[in-house]
C-alpha atoms as a PDB file:
ATOM      1  CA  MET A   1     115.330 162.944 -35.839  1.00  0.00           C
ATOM      2  CA  ALA A   2     113.380 164.239 -38.841  1.00  0.00           C
ATOM      3  CA  THR A   3     113.865 162.267 -42.030  1.00  0.00           C
ATOM      4  CA  ALA A   4     114.925 163.898 -45.283  1.00  0.00           C
ATOM      5  CA  ASN A   5     114.129 163.351 -48.930  1.00  0.00           C
ATOM      6  CA  LEU A   6     117.095 164.280 -51.110  1.00  0.00           C
ATOM      7  CA  ASP A   7     115.545 163.268 -54.419  1.00  0.00           C
ATOM      8  CA  GLY A   8     116.931 165.537 -57.138  1.00  0.00           C
ATOM      9  CA  GLN A   9     119.795 166.812 -55.017  1.00  0.00           C
ATOM     10  CA  PHE A  10     123.450 166.475 -56.031  1.00  0.00           C
ATOM     11  CA  CYS A  11     125.850 165.619 -53.197  1.00  0.00           C
ATOM     12  CA  LEU A  12     129.659 165.481 -53.497  1.00  0.00           C
ATOM     13  CA  ILE A  13     131.701 163.572 -50.888  1.00  0.00           C
ATOM     14  CA  THR A  14     135.506 163.497 -50.722  1.00  0.00           C
ATOM     15  CA  GLY A  15     137.382 160.609 -49.156  1.00  0.00           C
ATOM     16  CA  ALA A  16     134.447 158.435 -50.152  1.00  0.00           C
ATOM     17  CA  THR A  17     136.108 155.060 -50.737  1.00  0.00           C
ATOM     18  CA  SER A  18     136.248 153.879 -47.128  1.00  0.00           C
ATOM     19  CA  GLY A  19     135.209 154.585 -43.568  1.00  0.00           C
ATOM     20  CA  ILE A  20     133.068 157.601 -42.774  1.00  0.00           C
ATOM     21  CA  GLY A  21     133.066 158.911 -46.338  1.00  0.00           C
ATOM     22  CA  LEU A  22     131.790 155.648 -47.787  1.00  0.00           C
ATOM     23  CA  ALA A  23     129.130 155.340 -45.090  1.00  0.00           C
ATOM     24  CA  THR A  24     128.100 158.967 -45.646  1.00  0.00           C
ATOM     25  CA  ALA A  25     127.764 158.399 -49.382  1.00  0.00           C
ATOM     26  CA  THR A  26     125.651 155.294 -48.798  1.00  0.00           C
ATOM     27  CA  GLY A  27     123.416 157.107 -46.323  1.00  0.00           C
ATOM     28  CA  LEU A  28     122.817 160.054 -48.647  1.00  0.00           C
ATOM     29  CA  ALA A  29     122.139 157.737 -51.597  1.00  0.00           C
ATOM     30  CA  ARG A  30     119.515 155.930 -49.485  1.00  0.00           C
ATOM     31  CA  LEU A  31     117.832 159.296 -48.959  1.00  0.00           C
ATOM     32  CA  GLY A  32     117.530 159.721 -52.721  1.00  0.00           C
ATOM     33  CA  ALA A  33     120.507 161.949 -53.470  1.00  0.00           C
ATOM     34  CA  HIS A  34     122.524 161.790 -56.671  1.00  0.00           C
ATOM     35  CA  VAL A  35     125.861 161.020 -55.015  1.00  0.00           C
ATOM     36  CA  ILE A  36     129.267 161.888 -56.452  1.00  0.00           C
ATOM     37  CA  LEU A  37     132.186 160.036 -54.879  1.00  0.00           C
ATOM     38  CA  VAL A  38     135.712 161.429 -55.033  1.00  0.00           C
ATOM     39  CA  SER A  39     138.616 158.973 -54.934  1.00  0.00           C
ATOM     40  CA  ARG A  40     142.325 159.076 -55.727  1.00  0.00           C
ATOM     41  CA  ASP A  41     142.483 155.331 -56.477  1.00  0.00           C
ATOM     42  CA  LYS A  42     140.483 154.210 -59.504  1.00  0.00           C
ATOM     43  CA  LEU A  43     140.034 150.557 -58.528  1.00  0.00           C
ATOM     44  CA  ARG A  44     139.016 151.367 -54.968  1.00  0.00           C
ATOM     45  CA  GLY A  45     136.752 154.086 -56.267  1.00  0.00           C
ATOM     46  CA  GLN A  46     135.003 151.759 -58.674  1.00  0.00           C
ATOM     47  CA  ALA A  47     134.533 149.132 -55.967  1.00  0.00           C
ATOM     48  CA  SER A  48     133.137 151.763 -53.595  1.00  0.00           C
ATOM     49  CA  ARG A  49     130.742 153.068 -56.229  1.00  0.00           C
ATOM     50  CA  GLU A  50     129.370 149.579 -56.763  1.00  0.00           C
ATOM     51  CA  GLN A  51     129.097 149.042 -53.002  1.00  0.00           C
ATOM     52  CA  VAL A  52     127.114 152.263 -52.565  1.00  0.00           C
ATOM     53  CA  ARG A  53     124.837 151.325 -55.453  1.00  0.00           C
ATOM     54  CA  GLU A  54     124.244 147.858 -54.037  1.00  0.00           C
ATOM     55  CA  GLN A  55     123.683 148.916 -50.425  1.00  0.00           C
ATOM     56  CA  SER A  56     121.519 151.935 -51.239  1.00  0.00           C
ATOM     57  CA  GLY A  57     119.590 150.504 -54.160  1.00  0.00           C
ATOM     58  CA  SER A  58     120.338 153.695 -56.104  1.00  0.00           C
ATOM     59  CA  GLY A  59     121.727 153.906 -59.619  1.00  0.00           C
ATOM     60  CA  ARG A  60     122.580 157.580 -59.205  1.00  0.00           C
ATOM     61  CA  VAL A  61     126.094 157.114 -57.874  1.00  0.00           C
ATOM     62  CA  ASP A  62     129.029 158.579 -59.819  1.00  0.00           C
ATOM     63  CA  LEU A  63     132.799 158.504 -59.386  1.00  0.00           C
ATOM     64  CA  LEU A  64     135.311 161.281 -60.025  1.00  0.00           C
ATOM     65  CA  MET A  65     139.065 160.961 -59.610  1.00  0.00           C
ATOM     66  CA  ALA A  66     141.367 163.387 -57.791  1.00  0.00           C
ATOM     67  CA  ASP A  67     144.368 163.283 -55.480  1.00  0.00           C
ATOM     68  CA  LEU A  68     143.477 165.942 -52.932  1.00  0.00           C
ATOM     69  CA  GLN A  69     147.083 166.671 -52.026  1.00  0.00           C
ATOM     70  CA  SER A  70     147.449 168.228 -55.501  1.00  0.00           C
ATOM     71  CA  PRO A  71     146.015 171.728 -56.118  1.00  0.00           C
ATOM     72  CA  ASP A  72     146.060 171.015 -59.860  1.00  0.00           C
ATOM     73  CA  GLU A  73     143.974 167.870 -59.458  1.00  0.00           C
ATOM     74  CA  ILE A  74     141.537 169.664 -57.161  1.00  0.00           C
ATOM     75  CA  GLU A  75     141.086 172.348 -59.793  1.00  0.00           C
ATOM     76  CA  ALA A  76     140.514 169.683 -62.463  1.00  0.00           C
ATOM     77  CA  LEU A  77     137.996 167.947 -60.186  1.00  0.00           C
ATOM     78  CA  ALA A  78     136.055 171.169 -59.710  1.00  0.00           C
ATOM     79  CA  LEU A  79     135.978 171.784 -63.458  1.00  0.00           C
ATOM     80  CA  GLN A  80     134.544 168.290 -63.991  1.00  0.00           C
ATOM     81  CA  VAL A  81     131.837 168.912 -61.405  1.00  0.00           C
ATOM     82  CA  LEU A  82     130.914 172.251 -62.968  1.00  0.00           C
ATOM     83  CA  ASP A  83     130.848 170.720 -66.443  1.00  0.00           C
ATOM     84  CA  ARG A  84     128.851 167.580 -65.603  1.00  0.00           C
ATOM     85  CA  TYR A  85     126.334 168.662 -62.987  1.00  0.00           C
ATOM     86  CA  PRO A  86     123.776 171.471 -63.292  1.00  0.00           C
ATOM     87  CA  ALA A  87     123.587 171.969 -59.538  1.00  0.00           C
ATOM     88  CA  LEU A  88     125.377 171.118 -56.300  1.00  0.00           C
ATOM     89  CA  HIS A  89     123.328 171.030 -53.123  1.00  0.00           C
ATOM     90  CA  VAL A  90     125.700 169.361 -50.652  1.00  0.00           C
ATOM     91  CA  LEU A  91     129.493 169.329 -50.386  1.00  0.00           C
ATOM     92  CA  VAL A  92     130.952 167.036 -47.726  1.00  0.00           C
ATOM     93  CA  ASN A  93     134.668 167.665 -47.206  1.00  0.00           C
ATOM     94  CA  ASN A  94     135.664 164.417 -45.530  1.00  0.00           C
ATOM     95  CA  ALA A  95     139.058 163.264 -46.864  1.00  0.00           C
ATOM     96  CA  GLY A  96     141.907 163.330 -44.358  1.00  0.00           C
ATOM     97  CA  VAL A  97     145.330 161.926 -43.481  1.00  0.00           C
ATOM     98  CA  VAL A  98     147.517 161.382 -40.431  1.00  0.00           C
ATOM     99  CA  ASN A  99     151.298 161.383 -40.883  1.00  0.00           C
ATOM    100  CA  LEU A 100     153.760 160.384 -38.191  1.00  0.00           C
ATOM    101  CA  LYS A 101     156.559 162.305 -39.923  1.00  0.00           C
ATOM    102  CA  ARG A 102     156.666 165.413 -42.055  1.00  0.00           C
ATOM    103  CA  GLU A 103     156.072 164.830 -45.754  1.00  0.00           C
ATOM    104  CA  VAL A 104     156.014 167.369 -48.566  1.00  0.00           C
ATOM    105  CA  THR A 105     153.793 167.013 -51.619  1.00  0.00           C
ATOM    106  CA  ALA A 106     154.882 167.552 -55.218  1.00  0.00           C
ATOM    107  CA  ALA A 107     153.397 171.047 -54.910  1.00  0.00           C
ATOM    108  CA  GLY A 108     155.737 171.794 -52.005  1.00  0.00           C
ATOM    109  CA  LEU A 109     153.039 171.669 -49.324  1.00  0.00           C
ATOM    110  CA  GLU A 110     153.213 169.861 -45.980  1.00  0.00           C
ATOM    111  CA  ARG A 111     150.948 166.878 -46.615  1.00  0.00           C
ATOM    112  CA  THR A 112     148.723 166.913 -43.520  1.00  0.00           C
ATOM    113  CA  PHE A 113     147.976 170.622 -43.910  1.00  0.00           C
ATOM    114  CA  ALA A 114     147.464 170.206 -47.662  1.00  0.00           C
ATOM    115  CA  VAL A 115     144.963 167.336 -47.513  1.00  0.00           C
ATOM    116  CA  ASN A 116     143.196 168.149 -44.258  1.00  0.00           C
ATOM    117  CA  HIS A 117     142.780 171.903 -44.721  1.00  0.00           C
ATOM    118  CA  LEU A 118     143.901 173.321 -48.057  1.00  0.00           C
ATOM    119  CA  ALA A 119     141.904 170.749 -50.028  1.00  0.00           C
ATOM    120  CA  TYR A 120     138.746 171.742 -48.126  1.00  0.00           C
ATOM    121  CA  PHE A 121     139.488 175.413 -48.700  1.00  0.00           C
ATOM    122  CA  GLN A 122     140.322 175.173 -52.392  1.00  0.00           C
ATOM    123  CA  LEU A 123     137.589 172.773 -53.484  1.00  0.00           C
ATOM    124  CA  THR A 124     134.906 174.665 -51.564  1.00  0.00           C
ATOM    125  CA  ASN A 125     135.886 177.987 -53.096  1.00  0.00           C
ATOM    126  CA  LEU A 126     136.066 176.545 -56.594  1.00  0.00           C
ATOM    127  CA  LEU A 127     132.514 175.190 -56.207  1.00  0.00           C
ATOM    128  CA  LEU A 128     131.094 178.077 -54.224  1.00  0.00           C
ATOM    129  CA  ASP A 129     129.326 179.830 -57.086  1.00  0.00           C
ATOM    130  CA  ARG A 130     127.577 176.596 -58.060  1.00  0.00           C
ATOM    131  CA  LEU A 131     126.529 175.995 -54.457  1.00  0.00           C
ATOM    132  CA  ARG A 132     125.160 179.530 -54.240  1.00  0.00           C
ATOM    133  CA  SER A 133     123.191 179.152 -57.466  1.00  0.00           C
ATOM    134  CA  SER A 134     121.794 175.844 -56.131  1.00  0.00           C
ATOM    135  CA  ALA A 135     120.704 177.290 -52.774  1.00  0.00           C
ATOM    136  CA  PRO A 136     119.512 176.166 -50.357  1.00  0.00           C
ATOM    137  CA  ALA A 137     122.789 174.278 -50.192  1.00  0.00           C
ATOM    138  CA  ARG A 138     125.035 172.917 -47.447  1.00  0.00           C
ATOM    139  CA  ILE A 139     128.756 172.589 -46.837  1.00  0.00           C
ATOM    140  CA  VAL A 140     129.793 169.991 -44.251  1.00  0.00           C
ATOM    141  CA  ASN A 141     133.398 169.893 -43.044  1.00  0.00           C
ATOM    142  CA  VAL A 142     134.583 166.860 -41.088  1.00  0.00           C
ATOM    143  CA  SER A 143     136.856 168.056 -38.288  1.00  0.00           C
ATOM    144  CA  SER A 144     137.783 166.293 -35.045  1.00  0.00           C
ATOM    145  CA  HIS A 145     137.897 166.628 -31.271  1.00  0.00           C
ATOM    146  CA  GLY A 146     141.639 166.588 -31.964  1.00  0.00           C
ATOM    147  CA  HIS A 147     141.371 170.275 -32.876  1.00  0.00           C
ATOM    148  CA  LYS A 148     141.706 170.974 -29.141  1.00  0.00           C
ATOM    149  CA  PHE A 149     145.271 169.622 -29.244  1.00  0.00           C
ATOM    150  CA  GLY A 150     146.373 171.939 -32.053  1.00  0.00           C
ATOM    151  CA  SER A 151     147.061 175.618 -32.524  1.00  0.00           C
ATOM    152  CA  ILE A 152     147.533 177.797 -35.583  1.00  0.00           C
ATOM    153  CA  ASP A 153     150.789 179.648 -36.178  1.00  0.00           C
ATOM    154  CA  LEU A 154     150.254 181.824 -39.245  1.00  0.00           C
ATOM    155  CA  ASP A 155     154.024 182.183 -39.603  1.00  0.00           C
ATOM    156  CA  ASP A 156     154.589 178.411 -39.649  1.00  0.00           C
ATOM    157  CA  LEU A 157     151.484 176.804 -41.172  1.00  0.00           C
ATOM    158  CA  GLN A 158     153.526 174.040 -42.801  1.00  0.00           C
ATOM    159  CA  THR A 159     155.648 173.125 -39.763  1.00  0.00           C
ATOM    160  CA  GLU A 160     158.894 174.233 -41.339  1.00  0.00           C
ATOM    161  CA  ARG A 161     160.307 175.752 -38.150  1.00  0.00           C
ATOM    162  CA  LYS A 162     158.889 173.729 -35.276  1.00  0.00           C
ATOM    163  CA  LYS A 163     159.717 170.102 -34.625  1.00  0.00           C
ATOM    164  CA  TYR A 164     157.123 167.900 -36.289  1.00  0.00           C
ATOM    165  CA  ALA A 165     154.786 166.310 -33.726  1.00  0.00           C
ATOM    166  CA  TRP A 166     152.069 164.359 -35.505  1.00  0.00           C
ATOM    167  CA  MET A 167     149.247 164.934 -33.011  1.00  0.00           C
ATOM    168  CA  ARG A 168     149.904 168.666 -32.829  1.00  0.00           C
ATOM    169  CA  VAL A 169     150.076 168.929 -36.632  1.00  0.00           C
ATOM    170  CA  TYR A 170     146.929 166.850 -37.099  1.00  0.00           C
ATOM    171  CA  GLY A 171     145.159 168.875 -34.407  1.00  0.00           C
ATOM    172  CA  ALA A 172     146.162 172.123 -36.109  1.00  0.00           C
ATOM    173  CA  SER A 173     144.713 170.905 -39.404  1.00  0.00           C
ATOM    174  CA  LYS A 174     141.429 170.031 -37.695  1.00  0.00           C
ATOM    175  CA  LEU A 175     141.386 173.409 -35.941  1.00  0.00           C
ATOM    176  CA  ALA A 176     141.886 174.951 -39.375  1.00  0.00           C
ATOM    177  CA  ASN A 177     138.740 173.118 -40.545  1.00  0.00           C
ATOM    178  CA  ILE A 178     136.699 174.820 -37.830  1.00  0.00           C
ATOM    179  CA  LEU A 179     138.213 178.270 -38.324  1.00  0.00           C
ATOM    180  CA  PHE A 180     137.532 177.918 -42.058  1.00  0.00           C
ATOM    181  CA  THR A 181     133.954 176.792 -41.434  1.00  0.00           C
ATOM    182  CA  TYR A 182     133.166 179.711 -39.141  1.00  0.00           C
ATOM    183  CA  GLU A 183     134.744 182.274 -41.460  1.00  0.00           C
ATOM    184  CA  LEU A 184     133.012 180.745 -44.483  1.00  0.00           C
ATOM    185  CA  SER A 185     129.696 180.898 -42.652  1.00  0.00           C
ATOM    186  CA  ARG A 186     130.184 184.601 -41.954  1.00  0.00           C
ATOM    187  CA  ARG A 187     131.011 185.272 -45.611  1.00  0.00           C
ATOM    188  CA  LEU A 188     128.005 183.260 -46.803  1.00  0.00           C
ATOM    189  CA  GLU A 189     125.460 184.988 -44.597  1.00  0.00           C
ATOM    190  CA  GLY A 190     122.268 185.632 -46.559  1.00  0.00           C
ATOM    191  CA  SER A 191     123.337 183.470 -49.519  1.00  0.00           C
ATOM    192  CA  GLY A 192     121.217 180.413 -48.723  1.00  0.00           C
ATOM    193  CA  VAL A 193     124.375 178.288 -48.331  1.00  0.00           C
ATOM    194  CA  THR A 194     125.225 177.025 -44.843  1.00  0.00           C
ATOM    195  CA  ALA A 195     128.559 175.778 -43.523  1.00  0.00           C
ATOM    196  CA  ASN A 196     128.897 173.536 -40.480  1.00  0.00           C
ATOM    197  CA  CYS A 197     131.561 171.203 -39.124  1.00  0.00           C
ATOM    198  CA  LEU A 198     131.669 168.152 -36.901  1.00  0.00           C
ATOM    199  CA  HIS A 199     133.559 165.627 -34.838  1.00  0.00           C
ATOM    200  CA  PRO A 200     132.533 162.140 -36.038  1.00  0.00           C
ATOM    201  CA  GLY A 201     133.720 160.333 -32.914  1.00  0.00           C
ATOM    202  CA  ALA A 202     136.568 157.857 -32.605  1.00  0.00           C
ATOM    203  CA  VAL A 203     135.905 155.777 -35.689  1.00  0.00           C
ATOM    204  CA  GLY A 204     137.608 152.585 -36.836  1.00  0.00           C
ATOM    205  CA  THR A 205     138.609 153.717 -40.340  1.00  0.00           C
ATOM    206  CA  SER A 206     141.707 153.356 -42.522  1.00  0.00           C
ATOM    207  CA  LEU A 207     142.972 156.791 -41.412  1.00  0.00           C
ATOM    208  CA  GLY A 208     146.556 156.341 -40.264  1.00  0.00           C
ATOM    209  CA  LYS A 209     146.832 152.608 -40.963  1.00  0.00           C
ATOM    210  CA  ASN A 210     149.830 153.058 -43.239  1.00  0.00           C
ATOM    211  CA  ASN A 211     151.808 155.077 -40.733  1.00  0.00           C
ATOM    212  CA  GLY A 212     154.241 152.651 -39.128  1.00  0.00           C
ATOM    213  CA  ARG A 213     153.851 152.392 -35.347  1.00  0.00           C
ATOM    214  CA  LEU A 214     150.486 154.138 -35.437  1.00  0.00           C
ATOM    215  CA  GLY A 215     149.072 151.430 -37.665  1.00  0.00           C
ATOM    216  CA  ARG A 216     150.813 148.409 -36.152  1.00  0.00           C
ATOM    217  CA  ILE A 217     150.437 149.136 -32.459  1.00  0.00           C
ATOM    218  CA  VAL A 218     148.227 152.071 -31.508  1.00  0.00           C
ATOM    219  CA  LEU A 219     145.198 151.430 -33.725  1.00  0.00           C
ATOM    220  CA  PRO A 220     144.730 147.737 -32.775  1.00  0.00           C
ATOM    221  CA  LEU A 221     144.832 148.683 -29.088  1.00  0.00           C
ATOM    222  CA  LEU A 222     142.130 151.314 -29.587  1.00  0.00           C
ATOM    223  CA  LYS A 223     139.927 149.269 -31.924  1.00  0.00           C
ATOM    224  CA  PRO A 224     137.537 147.948 -29.223  1.00  0.00           C
ATOM    225  CA  PHE A 225     136.639 151.551 -28.355  1.00  0.00           C
ATOM    226  CA  PHE A 226     135.979 152.718 -31.921  1.00  0.00           C
ATOM    227  CA  LEU A 227     132.599 153.484 -33.431  1.00  0.00           C
ATOM    228  CA  SER A 228     131.721 151.806 -36.698  1.00  0.00           C
ATOM    229  CA  PRO A 229     131.993 153.961 -39.849  1.00  0.00           C
ATOM    230  CA  GLU A 230     128.193 153.879 -40.066  1.00  0.00           C
ATOM    231  CA  GLN A 231     127.911 155.289 -36.546  1.00  0.00           C
ATOM    232  CA  GLY A 232     130.596 157.868 -37.263  1.00  0.00           C
ATOM    233  CA  ALA A 233     128.837 159.009 -40.436  1.00  0.00           C
ATOM    234  CA  GLN A 234     125.568 159.858 -38.708  1.00  0.00           C
ATOM    235  CA  THR A 235     126.477 163.458 -37.916  1.00  0.00           C
ATOM    236  CA  SER A 236     127.745 164.084 -41.459  1.00  0.00           C
ATOM    237  CA  ILE A 237     124.497 162.671 -42.868  1.00  0.00           C
ATOM    238  CA  TYR A 238     122.478 164.714 -40.376  1.00  0.00           C
ATOM    239  CA  LEU A 239     124.173 167.994 -41.318  1.00  0.00           C
ATOM    240  CA  ALA A 240     123.926 167.201 -45.022  1.00  0.00           C
ATOM    241  CA  SER A 241     120.252 166.315 -45.012  1.00  0.00           C
ATOM    242  CA  SER A 242     118.186 166.936 -41.899  1.00  0.00           C
ATOM    243  CA  PRO A 243     115.382 169.524 -41.978  1.00  0.00           C
ATOM    244  CA  GLU A 244     116.267 170.201 -38.324  1.00  0.00           C
ATOM    245  CA  VAL A 245     119.398 172.143 -39.368  1.00  0.00           C
ATOM    246  CA  GLU A 246     117.960 173.890 -42.422  1.00  0.00           C
ATOM    247  CA  GLY A 247     119.355 177.439 -42.327  1.00  0.00           C
ATOM    248  CA  THR A 248     121.673 176.712 -39.392  1.00  0.00           C
ATOM    249  CA  SER A 249     125.269 177.738 -40.071  1.00  0.00           C
ATOM    250  CA  GLY A 250     128.602 178.254 -38.352  1.00  0.00           C
ATOM    251  CA  ARG A 251     128.206 175.531 -35.741  1.00  0.00           C
ATOM    252  CA  TYR A 252     130.296 172.576 -34.532  1.00  0.00           C
ATOM    253  CA  TYR A 253     128.454 169.276 -33.970  1.00  0.00           C
ATOM    254  CA  VAL A 254     129.094 166.088 -32.035  1.00  0.00           C
ATOM    255  CA  LYS A 255     126.544 163.244 -32.081  1.00  0.00           C
ATOM    256  CA  CYS A 256     124.147 165.432 -34.099  1.00  0.00           C
ATOM    257  CA  ARG A 257     124.162 168.170 -31.465  1.00  0.00           C
ATOM    258  CA  ALA A 258     125.780 171.600 -31.599  1.00  0.00           C
ATOM    259  CA  VAL A 259     128.502 171.892 -28.939  1.00  0.00           C
ATOM    260  CA  PRO A 260     131.217 174.464 -28.161  1.00  0.00           C
ATOM    261  CA  SER A 261     134.521 174.139 -29.994  1.00  0.00           C
ATOM    262  CA  SER A 262     137.821 175.380 -28.547  1.00  0.00           C
ATOM    263  CA  PRO A 263     138.258 179.071 -27.667  1.00  0.00           C
ATOM    264  CA  GLU A 264     140.942 179.452 -30.370  1.00  0.00           C
ATOM    265  CA  SER A 265     138.476 178.269 -33.027  1.00  0.00           C
ATOM    266  CA  HIS A 266     136.372 181.398 -32.349  1.00  0.00           C
ATOM    267  CA  ASP A 267     139.229 183.844 -32.993  1.00  0.00           C
ATOM    268  CA  GLU A 268     137.877 185.823 -35.951  1.00  0.00           C
ATOM    269  CA  ALA A 269     141.147 187.619 -36.650  1.00  0.00           C
ATOM    270  CA  LEU A 270     142.948 184.274 -36.772  1.00  0.00           C
ATOM    271  CA  ALA A 271     140.274 182.881 -39.108  1.00  0.00           C
ATOM    272  CA  ARG A 272     140.701 185.819 -41.485  1.00  0.00           C
ATOM    273  CA  GLY A 273     144.466 185.433 -41.365  1.00  0.00           C
ATOM    274  CA  LEU A 274     144.199 181.724 -42.128  1.00  0.00           C
ATOM    275  CA  TRP A 275     141.845 182.462 -45.038  1.00  0.00           C
ATOM    276  CA  ASP A 276     144.268 184.984 -46.532  1.00  0.00           C
ATOM    277  CA  ALA A 277     147.255 182.668 -46.089  1.00  0.00           C
ATOM    278  CA  SER A 278     145.358 179.744 -47.628  1.00  0.00           C
ATOM    279  CA  GLU A 279     144.340 181.850 -50.598  1.00  0.00           C
ATOM    280  CA  ARG A 280     148.000 182.618 -51.272  1.00  0.00           C
ATOM    281  CA  LEU A 281     148.901 178.908 -51.202  1.00  0.00           C
ATOM    282  CA  VAL A 282     146.228 177.461 -53.509  1.00  0.00           C
ATOM    283  CA  PRO A 283     144.382 178.893 -56.524  1.00  0.00           C
ATOM    284  CA  PHE A 284     140.679 179.286 -56.920  1.00  0.00           C
ATOM    285  CA  SER A 285     138.548 180.867 -59.619  1.00  0.00           C
ATOM    286  CA  ALA A 286     138.105 184.577 -60.123  1.00  0.00           C
ATOM    287  CA  GLY A 287     134.342 184.191 -59.787  1.00  0.00           C
ATOM    288  CA  SER A 288     134.691 182.758 -56.318  1.00  0.00           C
ATOM    289  CA  ARG A 289     136.997 185.608 -55.295  1.00  0.00           C
ATOM    290  CA  GLU A 290     133.904 187.773 -55.018  1.00  0.00           C
ATOM    291  CA  MET A 291     133.504 186.130 -51.598  1.00  0.00           C
ATOM    292  CA  ALA A 292     136.889 187.319 -50.350  1.00  0.00           C
END
């Protein structure tokens, strides 16, 4: 695998205080990037920033705060990025949740869909003009093999009608990541900004640990089969940095190799419908609407 030098590049990673996100941030900092961590918990964020600095030997590690289930906080996060940083070369949308039961955020959004898809969609669009002006730039969306267990119902995106089944809902959110990535790639053609997505593998992270039975019983049973966060982060780091994928866009990767995603993920009409529905649910700047 070709090595990369990210000196002078600004890289933003969401969900960066543990697991894959933390390992991704550390890996990119080791490659010389100016890394920006996004956290919703200040103390955990500060501890993670110091850990990345210590393990990478880099002093160019910053922390920004945002709860990615809140469209208002995502908008405020984007404004901070635009105000503080002259360029943005890599955006890694990594934050995610698993909920065993349906929860609704303060903004009235089903939580899994809000964090796992709408946050990706809104933050990316808010930062899109900066990414384009910084080109060549890369967008990396962390999805999952679980997308094959989900389907998208444009008339029930927030599981208000169907019975809530956590694996189906999680799978739908991960399918949404891939549909969004492919549609974004089509809209970005010729811009110098690429968009790719990935399955990190079955990784032993904190995802789902606070969800009752899932945390107490299922995760401990699966733990011997999990990859480490460092192993799981390799594909994210590869897509964010490797010269081997320079200019490559609209692909789904597993273990640093492009592989086929589910047939539904290639439905262009569905991807456009999801884009339009997502745009109605969360705001993004007028400048970015030029992409729509």
